[in-house]
Amino acid sequence: MPTIPFSTIIDKECIAPPPPPPNAARFMDEEDKKMDAAVQLMLAREEAHLSQEELAKRSGVSRATVNRIERGRIMPLLNTLEKLAKAMGKTVKISLA
């Protein structure tokens, strides 16, 4: 019995991938924001020559929270960002684009 390549079946059947969930764009936007916060915090912390532990002690924010922010697991509150920035001798700047 002859075999038919899978690509031929897909072409003939016009199988298309399922559409993304309706909230996928919003989810991706939120993930982008978390990663932006993560990168900015990590760069600022490294520029200040601080470990996560040192930043946590100086800011009063737990090391676990600093770690979660830097890994993009959570979106920090403005209050938290201000504490972290102050501990590094920086300020928070918000830009509307």
PDB file of N, CA and C in Angstrom:
ATOM      1  N   MET A   1       0.847  -1.173   0.000  1.00  0.00           N
ATOM      2  CA  MET A   1       0.000   0.000   0.000  1.00  0.00           C
ATOM      3  C   MET A   1       0.895   1.240   0.000  1.00  0.00           C
ATOM      4  N   PRO A   2       0.644   2.163  -0.913  1.00  0.00           N
ATOM      5  CA  PRO A   2       1.495   3.352  -0.991  1.00  0.00           C
ATOM      6  C   PRO A   2       1.229   4.279   0.195  1.00  0.00           C
ATOM      7  N   THR A   3       2.260   4.985   0.582  1.00  0.00           N
ATOM      8  CA  THR A   3       2.109   5.962   1.655  1.00  0.00           C
ATOM      9  C   THR A   3       1.970   7.353   1.057  1.00  0.00           C
ATOM     10  N   ILE A   4       1.240   8.177   1.746  1.00  0.00           N
ATOM     11  CA  ILE A   4       1.019   9.554   1.303  1.00  0.00           C
ATOM     12  C   ILE A   4       1.730  10.476   2.292  1.00  0.00           C
ATOM     13  N   PRO A   5       2.567  11.361   1.809  1.00  0.00           N
ATOM     14  CA  PRO A   5       3.246  12.290   2.725  1.00  0.00           C
ATOM     15  C   PRO A   5       2.227  13.141   3.486  1.00  0.00           C
ATOM     16  N   PHE A   6       2.534  13.377   4.737  1.00  0.00           N
ATOM     17  CA  PHE A   6       1.645  14.156   5.598  1.00  0.00           C
ATOM     18  C   PHE A   6       1.388  15.547   5.029  1.00  0.00           C
ATOM     19  N   SER A   7       2.418  16.153   4.435  1.00  0.00           N
ATOM     20  CA  SER A   7       2.253  17.499   3.874  1.00  0.00           C
ATOM     21  C   SER A   7       1.196  17.519   2.776  1.00  0.00           C
ATOM     22  N   THR A   8       1.060  16.406   2.041  1.00  0.00           N
ATOM     23  CA  THR A   8       0.041  16.318   0.992  1.00  0.00           C
ATOM     24  C   THR A   8      -1.348  16.322   1.618  1.00  0.00           C
ATOM     25  N   ILE A   9      -1.503  15.618   2.707  1.00  0.00           N
ATOM     26  CA  ILE A   9      -2.804  15.573   3.399  1.00  0.00           C
ATOM     27  C   ILE A   9      -3.165  16.955   3.912  1.00  0.00           C
ATOM     28  N   ILE A  10      -2.202  17.643   4.500  1.00  0.00           N
ATOM     29  CA  ILE A  10      -2.471  18.980   5.030  1.00  0.00           C
ATOM     30  C   ILE A  10      -2.884  19.911   3.900  1.00  0.00           C
ATOM     31  N   ASP A  11      -2.144  19.869   2.777  1.00  0.00           N
ATOM     32  CA  ASP A  11      -2.482  20.726   1.646  1.00  0.00           C
ATOM     33  C   ASP A  11      -3.886  20.430   1.123  1.00  0.00           C
ATOM     34  N   LYS A  12      -4.226  19.156   1.014  1.00  0.00           N
ATOM     35  CA  LYS A  12      -5.536  18.773   0.463  1.00  0.00           C
ATOM     36  C   LYS A  12      -6.668  19.117   1.419  1.00  0.00           C
ATOM     37  N   GLU A  13      -6.434  18.953   2.683  1.00  0.00           N
ATOM     38  CA  GLU A  13      -7.496  19.173   3.666  1.00  0.00           C
ATOM     39  C   GLU A  13      -7.592  20.629   4.113  1.00  0.00           C
ATOM     40  N   CYS A  14      -6.612  21.422   3.722  1.00  0.00           N
ATOM     41  CA  CYS A  14      -6.587  22.836   4.119  1.00  0.00           C
ATOM     42  C   CYS A  14      -6.691  22.991   5.637  1.00  0.00           C
ATOM     43  N   ILE A  15      -5.916  22.201   6.317  1.00  0.00           N
ATOM     44  CA  ILE A  15      -5.922  22.274   7.782  1.00  0.00           C
ATOM     45  C   ILE A  15      -5.153  23.515   8.196  1.00  0.00           C
ATOM     46  N   ALA A  16      -5.798  24.371   8.945  1.00  0.00           N
ATOM     47  CA  ALA A  16      -5.178  25.601   9.425  1.00  0.00           C
ATOM     48  C   ALA A  16      -5.042  25.524  10.942  1.00  0.00           C
ATOM     49  N   PRO A  17      -4.053  26.199  11.477  1.00  0.00           N
ATOM     50  CA  PRO A  17      -3.933  26.204  12.937  1.00  0.00           C
ATOM     51  C   PRO A  17      -5.131  26.913  13.550  1.00  0.00           C
ATOM     52  N   PRO A  18      -5.489  26.545  14.763  1.00  0.00           N
ATOM     53  CA  PRO A  18      -6.632  27.199  15.396  1.00  0.00           C
ATOM     54  C   PRO A  18      -6.330  28.671  15.649  1.00  0.00           C
ATOM     55  N   PRO A  19      -7.345  29.512  15.640  1.00  0.00           N
ATOM     56  CA  PRO A  19      -7.112  30.936  15.901  1.00  0.00           C
ATOM     57  C   PRO A  19      -6.679  31.136  17.351  1.00  0.00           C
ATOM     58  N   PRO A  20      -5.921  32.186  17.624  1.00  0.00           N
ATOM     59  CA  PRO A  20      -5.519  32.434  19.007  1.00  0.00           C
ATOM     60  C   PRO A  20      -6.734  32.796  19.857  1.00  0.00           C
ATOM     61  N   PRO A  21      -6.669  32.550  21.151  1.00  0.00           N
ATOM     62  CA  PRO A  21      -7.788  32.929  22.018  1.00  0.00           C
ATOM     63  C   PRO A  21      -8.035  34.433  21.917  1.00  0.00           C
ATOM     64  N   PRO A  22      -9.256  34.876  22.159  1.00  0.00           N
ATOM     65  CA  PRO A  22      -9.578  36.295  21.989  1.00  0.00           C
ATOM     66  C   PRO A  22      -8.765  37.222  22.885  1.00  0.00           C
ATOM     67  N   ASN A  23      -8.280  36.749  24.015  1.00  0.00           N
ATOM     68  CA  ASN A  23      -7.524  37.608  24.921  1.00  0.00           C
ATOM     69  C   ASN A  23      -6.007  37.430  24.767  1.00  0.00           C
ATOM     70  N   ALA A  24      -5.549  36.782  23.724  1.00  0.00           N
ATOM     71  CA  ALA A  24      -4.121  36.512  23.528  1.00  0.00           C
ATOM     72  C   ALA A  24      -3.315  37.800  23.381  1.00  0.00           C
ATOM     73  N   ALA A  25      -3.835  38.774  22.655  1.00  0.00           N
ATOM     74  CA  ALA A  25      -3.105  40.035  22.458  1.00  0.00           C
ATOM     75  C   ALA A  25      -2.920  40.753  23.788  1.00  0.00           C
ATOM     76  N   ARG A  26      -3.949  40.768  24.590  1.00  0.00           N
ATOM     77  CA  ARG A  26      -3.855  41.419  25.907  1.00  0.00           C
ATOM     78  C   ARG A  26      -2.844  40.694  26.791  1.00  0.00           C
ATOM     79  N   PHE A  27      -2.881  39.366  26.754  1.00  0.00           N
ATOM     80  CA  PHE A  27      -1.940  38.566  27.534  1.00  0.00           C
ATOM     81  C   PHE A  27      -0.500  38.876  27.113  1.00  0.00           C
ATOM     82  N   MET A  28      -0.242  38.923  25.816  1.00  0.00           N
ATOM     83  CA  MET A  28       1.103  39.188  25.322  1.00  0.00           C
ATOM     84  C   MET A  28       1.561  40.600  25.695  1.00  0.00           C
ATOM     85  N   ASP A  29       0.644  41.554  25.668  1.00  0.00           N
ATOM     86  CA  ASP A  29       0.972  42.920  26.057  1.00  0.00           C
ATOM     87  C   ASP A  29       1.387  42.965  27.525  1.00  0.00           C
ATOM     88  N   GLU A  30       0.665  42.249  28.371  1.00  0.00           N
ATOM     89  CA  GLU A  30       1.006  42.190  29.797  1.00  0.00           C
ATOM     90  C   GLU A  30       2.360  41.522  30.005  1.00  0.00           C
ATOM     91  N   GLU A  31       2.634  40.477  29.259  1.00  0.00           N
ATOM     92  CA  GLU A  31       3.925  39.786  29.374  1.00  0.00           C
ATOM     93  C   GLU A  31       5.062  40.712  28.933  1.00  0.00           C
ATOM     94  N   ASP A  32       4.842  41.491  27.881  1.00  0.00           N
ATOM     95  CA  ASP A  32       5.851  42.453  27.424  1.00  0.00           C
ATOM     96  C   ASP A  32       6.154  43.476  28.518  1.00  0.00           C
ATOM     97  N   LYS A  33       5.115  43.949  29.183  1.00  0.00           N
ATOM     98  CA  LYS A  33       5.300  44.932  30.257  1.00  0.00           C
ATOM     99  C   LYS A  33       6.093  44.333  31.416  1.00  0.00           C
ATOM    100  N   LYS A  34       5.787  43.096  31.761  1.00  0.00           N
ATOM    101  CA  LYS A  34       6.528  42.435  32.844  1.00  0.00           C
ATOM    102  C   LYS A  34       7.999  42.301  32.481  1.00  0.00           C
ATOM    103  N   MET A  35       8.265  41.908  31.240  1.00  0.00           N
ATOM    104  CA  MET A  35       9.653  41.722  30.823  1.00  0.00           C
ATOM    105  C   MET A  35      10.396  43.057  30.741  1.00  0.00           C
ATOM    106  N   ASP A  36       9.706  44.112  30.325  1.00  0.00           N
ATOM    107  CA  ASP A  36      10.330  45.439  30.307  1.00  0.00           C
ATOM    108  C   ASP A  36      10.736  45.848  31.723  1.00  0.00           C
ATOM    109  N   ALA A  37       9.829  45.649  32.679  1.00  0.00           N
ATOM    110  CA  ALA A  37      10.135  45.967  34.079  1.00  0.00           C
ATOM    111  C   ALA A  37      11.291  45.112  34.572  1.00  0.00           C
ATOM    112  N   ALA A  38      11.296  43.844  34.197  1.00  0.00           N
ATOM    113  CA  ALA A  38      12.357  42.923  34.622  1.00  0.00           C
ATOM    114  C   ALA A  38      13.716  43.387  34.131  1.00  0.00           C
ATOM    115  N   VAL A  39      13.805  43.715  32.855  1.00  0.00           N
ATOM    116  CA  VAL A  39      15.078  44.126  32.264  1.00  0.00           C
ATOM    117  C   VAL A  39      15.555  45.437  32.877  1.00  0.00           C
ATOM    118  N   GLN A  40      14.650  46.402  33.012  1.00  0.00           N
ATOM    119  CA  GLN A  40      15.035  47.703  33.559  1.00  0.00           C
ATOM    120  C   GLN A  40      15.522  47.574  35.000  1.00  0.00           C
ATOM    121  N   LEU A  41      14.835  46.781  35.807  1.00  0.00           N
ATOM    122  CA  LEU A  41      15.255  46.599  37.194  1.00  0.00           C
ATOM    123  C   LEU A  41      16.612  45.906  37.261  1.00  0.00           C
ATOM    124  N   MET A  42      16.781  44.860  36.475  1.00  0.00           N
ATOM    125  CA  MET A  42      18.040  44.121  36.503  1.00  0.00           C
ATOM    126  C   MET A  42      19.208  45.012  36.072  1.00  0.00           C
ATOM    127  N   LEU A  43      19.022  45.791  35.008  1.00  0.00           N
ATOM    128  CA  LEU A  43      20.085  46.684  34.547  1.00  0.00           C
ATOM    129  C   LEU A  43      20.430  47.730  35.603  1.00  0.00           C
ATOM    130  N   ALA A  44      19.408  48.309  36.218  1.00  0.00           N
ATOM    131  CA  ALA A  44      19.640  49.328  37.245  1.00  0.00           C
ATOM    132  C   ALA A  44      20.341  48.718  38.462  1.00  0.00           C
ATOM    133  N   ARG A  45      19.930  47.539  38.863  1.00  0.00           N
ATOM    134  CA  ARG A  45      20.545  46.876  40.023  1.00  0.00           C
ATOM    135  C   ARG A  45      22.002  46.553  39.742  1.00  0.00           C
ATOM    136  N   GLU A  46      22.285  46.026  38.567  1.00  0.00           N
ATOM    137  CA  GLU A  46      23.664  45.698  38.207  1.00  0.00           C
ATOM    138  C   GLU A  46      24.523  46.961  38.090  1.00  0.00           C
ATOM    139  N   GLU A  47      23.945  48.031  37.560  1.00  0.00           N
ATOM    140  CA  GLU A  47      24.668  49.308  37.461  1.00  0.00           C
ATOM    141  C   GLU A  47      25.007  49.842  38.849  1.00  0.00           C
ATOM    142  N   ALA A  48      24.135  49.583  39.834  1.00  0.00           N
ATOM    143  CA  ALA A  48      24.361  50.019  41.216  1.00  0.00           C
ATOM    144  C   ALA A  48      25.274  49.051  41.973  1.00  0.00           C
ATOM    145  N   HIS A  49      25.690  47.974  41.301  1.00  0.00           N
ATOM    146  CA  HIS A  49      26.562  46.952  41.903  1.00  0.00           C
ATOM    147  C   HIS A  49      25.943  46.353  43.161  1.00  0.00           C
ATOM    148  N   LEU A  50      24.667  46.015  43.064  1.00  0.00           N
ATOM    149  CA  LEU A  50      23.948  45.422  44.189  1.00  0.00           C
ATOM    150  C   LEU A  50      23.479  44.017  43.825  1.00  0.00           C
ATOM    151  N   SER A  51      23.492  43.138  44.805  1.00  0.00           N
ATOM    152  CA  SER A  51      22.867  41.827  44.628  1.00  0.00           C
ATOM    153  C   SER A  51      21.383  41.984  44.900  1.00  0.00           C
ATOM    154  N   GLN A  52      20.619  40.975  44.561  1.00  0.00           N
ATOM    155  CA  GLN A  52      19.190  41.025  44.880  1.00  0.00           C
ATOM    156  C   GLN A  52      18.995  41.154  46.383  1.00  0.00           C
ATOM    157  N   GLU A  53      19.800  40.441  47.147  1.00  0.00           N
ATOM    158  CA  GLU A  53      19.710  40.478  48.613  1.00  0.00           C
ATOM    159  C   GLU A  53      19.998  41.880  49.151  1.00  0.00           C
ATOM    160  N   GLU A  54      21.051  42.515  48.631  1.00  0.00           N
ATOM    161  CA  GLU A  54      21.398  43.872  49.079  1.00  0.00           C
ATOM    162  C   GLU A  54      20.298  44.865  48.724  1.00  0.00           C
ATOM    163  N   LEU A  55      19.761  44.741  47.518  1.00  0.00           N
ATOM    164  CA  LEU A  55      18.672  45.631  47.097  1.00  0.00           C
ATOM    165  C   LEU A  55      17.453  45.431  47.974  1.00  0.00           C
ATOM    166  N   ALA A  56      17.156  44.186  48.289  1.00  0.00           N
ATOM    167  CA  ALA A  56      16.013  43.889  49.149  1.00  0.00           C
ATOM    168  C   ALA A  56      16.178  44.537  50.523  1.00  0.00           C
ATOM    169  N   LYS A  57      17.351  44.410  51.113  1.00  0.00           N
ATOM    170  CA  LYS A  57      17.598  44.994  52.444  1.00  0.00           C
ATOM    171  C   LYS A  57      17.487  46.510  52.414  1.00  0.00           C
ATOM    172  N   ARG A  58      18.067  47.129  51.394  1.00  0.00           N
ATOM    173  CA  ARG A  58      18.040  48.591  51.301  1.00  0.00           C
ATOM    174  C   ARG A  58      16.639  49.136  51.040  1.00  0.00           C
ATOM    175  N   SER A  59      15.837  48.386  50.296  1.00  0.00           N
ATOM    176  CA  SER A  59      14.526  48.892  49.865  1.00  0.00           C
ATOM    177  C   SER A  59      13.376  48.497  50.789  1.00  0.00           C
ATOM    178  N   GLY A  60      13.567  47.435  51.567  1.00  0.00           N
ATOM    179  CA  GLY A  60      12.461  46.931  52.385  1.00  0.00           C
ATOM    180  C   GLY A  60      11.509  46.039  51.595  1.00  0.00           C
ATOM    181  N   VAL A  61      11.904  45.704  50.367  1.00  0.00           N
ATOM    182  CA  VAL A  61      11.128  44.796  49.518  1.00  0.00           C
ATOM    183  C   VAL A  61      11.791  43.427  49.638  1.00  0.00           C
ATOM    184  N   SER A  62      11.013  42.376  49.755  1.00  0.00           N
ATOM    185  CA  SER A  62      11.611  41.054  49.947  1.00  0.00           C
ATOM    186  C   SER A  62      12.466  40.645  48.750  1.00  0.00           C
ATOM    187  N   ARG A  63      13.489  39.827  49.017  1.00  0.00           N
ATOM    188  CA  ARG A  63      14.346  39.335  47.948  1.00  0.00           C
ATOM    189  C   ARG A  63      13.531  38.503  46.974  1.00  0.00           C
ATOM    190  N   ALA A  64      12.538  37.764  47.487  1.00  0.00           N
ATOM    191  CA  ALA A  64      11.684  36.952  46.615  1.00  0.00           C
ATOM    192  C   ALA A  64      10.925  37.839  45.623  1.00  0.00           C
ATOM    193  N   THR A  65      10.455  38.988  46.083  1.00  0.00           N
ATOM    194  CA  THR A  65       9.738  39.906  45.190  1.00  0.00           C
ATOM    195  C   THR A  65      10.686  40.483  44.145  1.00  0.00           C
ATOM    196  N   VAL A  66      11.888  40.881  44.555  1.00  0.00           N
ATOM    197  CA  VAL A  66      12.881  41.382  43.597  1.00  0.00           C
ATOM    198  C   VAL A  66      13.138  40.311  42.542  1.00  0.00           C
ATOM    199  N   ASN A  67      13.315  39.079  42.989  1.00  0.00           N
ATOM    200  CA  ASN A  67      13.570  37.971  42.072  1.00  0.00           C
ATOM    201  C   ASN A  67      12.404  37.744  41.118  1.00  0.00           C
ATOM    202  N   ARG A  68      11.188  37.779  41.619  1.00  0.00           N
ATOM    203  CA  ARG A  68      10.011  37.569  40.769  1.00  0.00           C
ATOM    204  C   ARG A  68       9.869  38.670  39.721  1.00  0.00           C
ATOM    205  N   ILE A  69      10.176  39.894  40.121  1.00  0.00           N
ATOM    206  CA  ILE A  69      10.117  41.004  39.159  1.00  0.00           C
ATOM    207  C   ILE A  69      11.165  40.794  38.072  1.00  0.00           C
ATOM    208  N   GLU A  70      12.400  40.485  38.493  1.00  0.00           N
ATOM    209  CA  GLU A  70      13.486  40.323  37.518  1.00  0.00           C
ATOM    210  C   GLU A  70      13.290  39.117  36.605  1.00  0.00           C
ATOM    211  N   ARG A  71      12.543  38.135  37.030  1.00  0.00           N
ATOM    212  CA  ARG A  71      12.270  36.965  36.189  1.00  0.00           C
ATOM    213  C   ARG A  71      11.012  37.159  35.346  1.00  0.00           C
ATOM    214  N   GLY A  72      10.346  38.309  35.496  1.00  0.00           N
ATOM    215  CA  GLY A  72       9.147  38.582  34.712  1.00  0.00           C
ATOM    216  C   GLY A  72       7.932  37.824  35.190  1.00  0.00           C
ATOM    217  N   ARG A  73       7.960  37.380  36.433  1.00  0.00           N
ATOM    218  CA  ARG A  73       6.830  36.612  36.984  1.00  0.00           C
ATOM    219  C   ARG A  73       5.689  37.510  37.442  1.00  0.00           C
ATOM    220  N   ILE A  74       6.041  38.712  37.931  1.00  0.00           N
ATOM    221  CA  ILE A  74       5.018  39.634  38.418  1.00  0.00           C
ATOM    222  C   ILE A  74       5.265  41.031  37.869  1.00  0.00           C
ATOM    223  N   MET A  75       4.215  41.815  37.806  1.00  0.00           N
ATOM    224  CA  MET A  75       4.307  43.220  37.416  1.00  0.00           C
ATOM    225  C   MET A  75       4.351  44.024  38.714  1.00  0.00           C
ATOM    226  N   PRO A  76       5.447  44.749  38.948  1.00  0.00           N
ATOM    227  CA  PRO A  76       5.558  45.480  40.212  1.00  0.00           C
ATOM    228  C   PRO A  76       4.598  46.654  40.289  1.00  0.00           C
ATOM    229  N   LEU A  77       4.147  46.932  41.494  1.00  0.00           N
ATOM    230  CA  LEU A  77       3.334  48.116  41.739  1.00  0.00           C
ATOM    231  C   LEU A  77       4.238  49.344  41.708  1.00  0.00           C
ATOM    232  N   LEU A  78       3.673  50.489  41.426  1.00  0.00           N
ATOM    233  CA  LEU A  78       4.437  51.729  41.387  1.00  0.00           C
ATOM    234  C   LEU A  78       5.131  51.970  42.719  1.00  0.00           C
ATOM    235  N   ASN A  79       4.445  51.720  43.806  1.00  0.00           N
ATOM    236  CA  ASN A  79       5.004  51.888  45.147  1.00  0.00           C
ATOM    237  C   ASN A  79       6.272  51.038  45.315  1.00  0.00           C
ATOM    238  N   THR A  80       6.226  49.811  44.847  1.00  0.00           N
ATOM    239  CA  THR A  80       7.378  48.905  44.937  1.00  0.00           C
ATOM    240  C   THR A  80       8.522  49.420  44.083  1.00  0.00           C
ATOM    241  N   LEU A  81       8.227  49.853  42.869  1.00  0.00           N
ATOM    242  CA  LEU A  81       9.270  50.398  41.991  1.00  0.00           C
ATOM    243  C   LEU A  81       9.935  51.624  42.620  1.00  0.00           C
ATOM    244  N   GLU A  82       9.144  52.461  43.270  1.00  0.00           N
ATOM    245  CA  GLU A  82       9.705  53.657  43.906  1.00  0.00           C
ATOM    246  C   GLU A  82      10.654  53.272  45.038  1.00  0.00           C
ATOM    247  N   LYS A  83      10.298  52.280  45.841  1.00  0.00           N
ATOM    248  CA  LYS A  83      11.174  51.806  46.924  1.00  0.00           C
ATOM    249  C   LYS A  83      12.487  51.259  46.357  1.00  0.00           C
ATOM    250  N   LEU A  84      12.369  50.463  45.309  1.00  0.00           N
ATOM    251  CA  LEU A  84      13.563  49.876  44.692  1.00  0.00           C
ATOM    252  C   LEU A  84      14.450  50.959  44.084  1.00  0.00           C
ATOM    253  N   ALA A  85      13.835  51.891  43.377  1.00  0.00           N
ATOM    254  CA  ALA A  85      14.593  52.977  42.747  1.00  0.00           C
ATOM    255  C   ALA A  85      15.317  53.813  43.798  1.00  0.00           C
ATOM    256  N   LYS A  86      14.632  54.159  44.862  1.00  0.00           N
ATOM    257  CA  LYS A  86      15.227  54.970  45.926  1.00  0.00           C
ATOM    258  C   LYS A  86      16.425  54.244  46.539  1.00  0.00           C
ATOM    259  N   ALA A  87      16.307  52.945  46.738  1.00  0.00           N
ATOM    260  CA  ALA A  87      17.394  52.156  47.318  1.00  0.00           C
ATOM    261  C   ALA A  87      18.626  52.136  46.417  1.00  0.00           C
ATOM    262  N   MET A  88      18.437  52.414  45.115  1.00  0.00           N
ATOM    263  CA  MET A  88      19.555  52.443  44.172  1.00  0.00           C
ATOM    264  C   MET A  88      19.982  53.872  43.839  1.00  0.00           C
ATOM    265  N   GLY A  89      19.379  54.855  44.526  1.00  0.00           N
ATOM    266  CA  GLY A  89      19.701  56.247  44.247  1.00  0.00           C
ATOM    267  C   GLY A  89      19.123  56.737  42.938  1.00  0.00           C
ATOM    268  N   LYS A  90      18.012  56.161  42.525  1.00  0.00           N
ATOM    269  CA  LYS A  90      17.374  56.518  41.254  1.00  0.00           C
ATOM    270  C   LYS A  90      15.932  56.950  41.503  1.00  0.00           C
ATOM    271  N   THR A  91      15.277  57.412  40.459  1.00  0.00           N
ATOM    272  CA  THR A  91      13.865  57.756  40.531  1.00  0.00           C
ATOM    273  C   THR A  91      13.118  56.981  39.456  1.00  0.00           C
ATOM    274  N   VAL A  92      11.822  56.882  39.643  1.00  0.00           N
ATOM    275  CA  VAL A  92      10.970  56.220  38.651  1.00  0.00           C
ATOM    276  C   VAL A  92      10.485  57.275  37.676  1.00  0.00           C
ATOM    277  N   LYS A  93      10.607  56.974  36.408  1.00  0.00           N
ATOM    278  CA  LYS A  93      10.159  57.878  35.351  1.00  0.00           C
ATOM    279  C   LYS A  93       9.103  57.157  34.533  1.00  0.00           C
ATOM    280  N   ILE A  94       7.941  57.774  34.405  1.00  0.00           N
ATOM    281  CA  ILE A  94       6.864  57.175  33.628  1.00  0.00           C
ATOM    282  C   ILE A  94       6.707  57.975  32.339  1.00  0.00           C
ATOM    283  N   SER A  95       6.628  57.268  31.241  1.00  0.00           N
ATOM    284  CA  SER A  95       6.500  57.904  29.945  1.00  0.00           C
ATOM    285  C   SER A  95       5.232  57.414  29.263  1.00  0.00           C
ATOM    286  N   LEU A  96       4.446  58.347  28.768  1.00  0.00           N
ATOM    287  CA  LEU A  96       3.253  57.981  28.005  1.00  0.00           C
ATOM    288  C   LEU A  96       3.572  58.159  26.529  1.00  0.00           C
ATOM    289  N   ALA A  97       3.393  57.097  25.775  1.00  0.00           N
ATOM    290  CA  ALA A  97       3.721  57.173  24.354  1.00  0.00           C
ATOM    291  C   ALA A  97       2.507  56.859  23.514  1.00  0.00           C
TER     292      ALA A  97
END
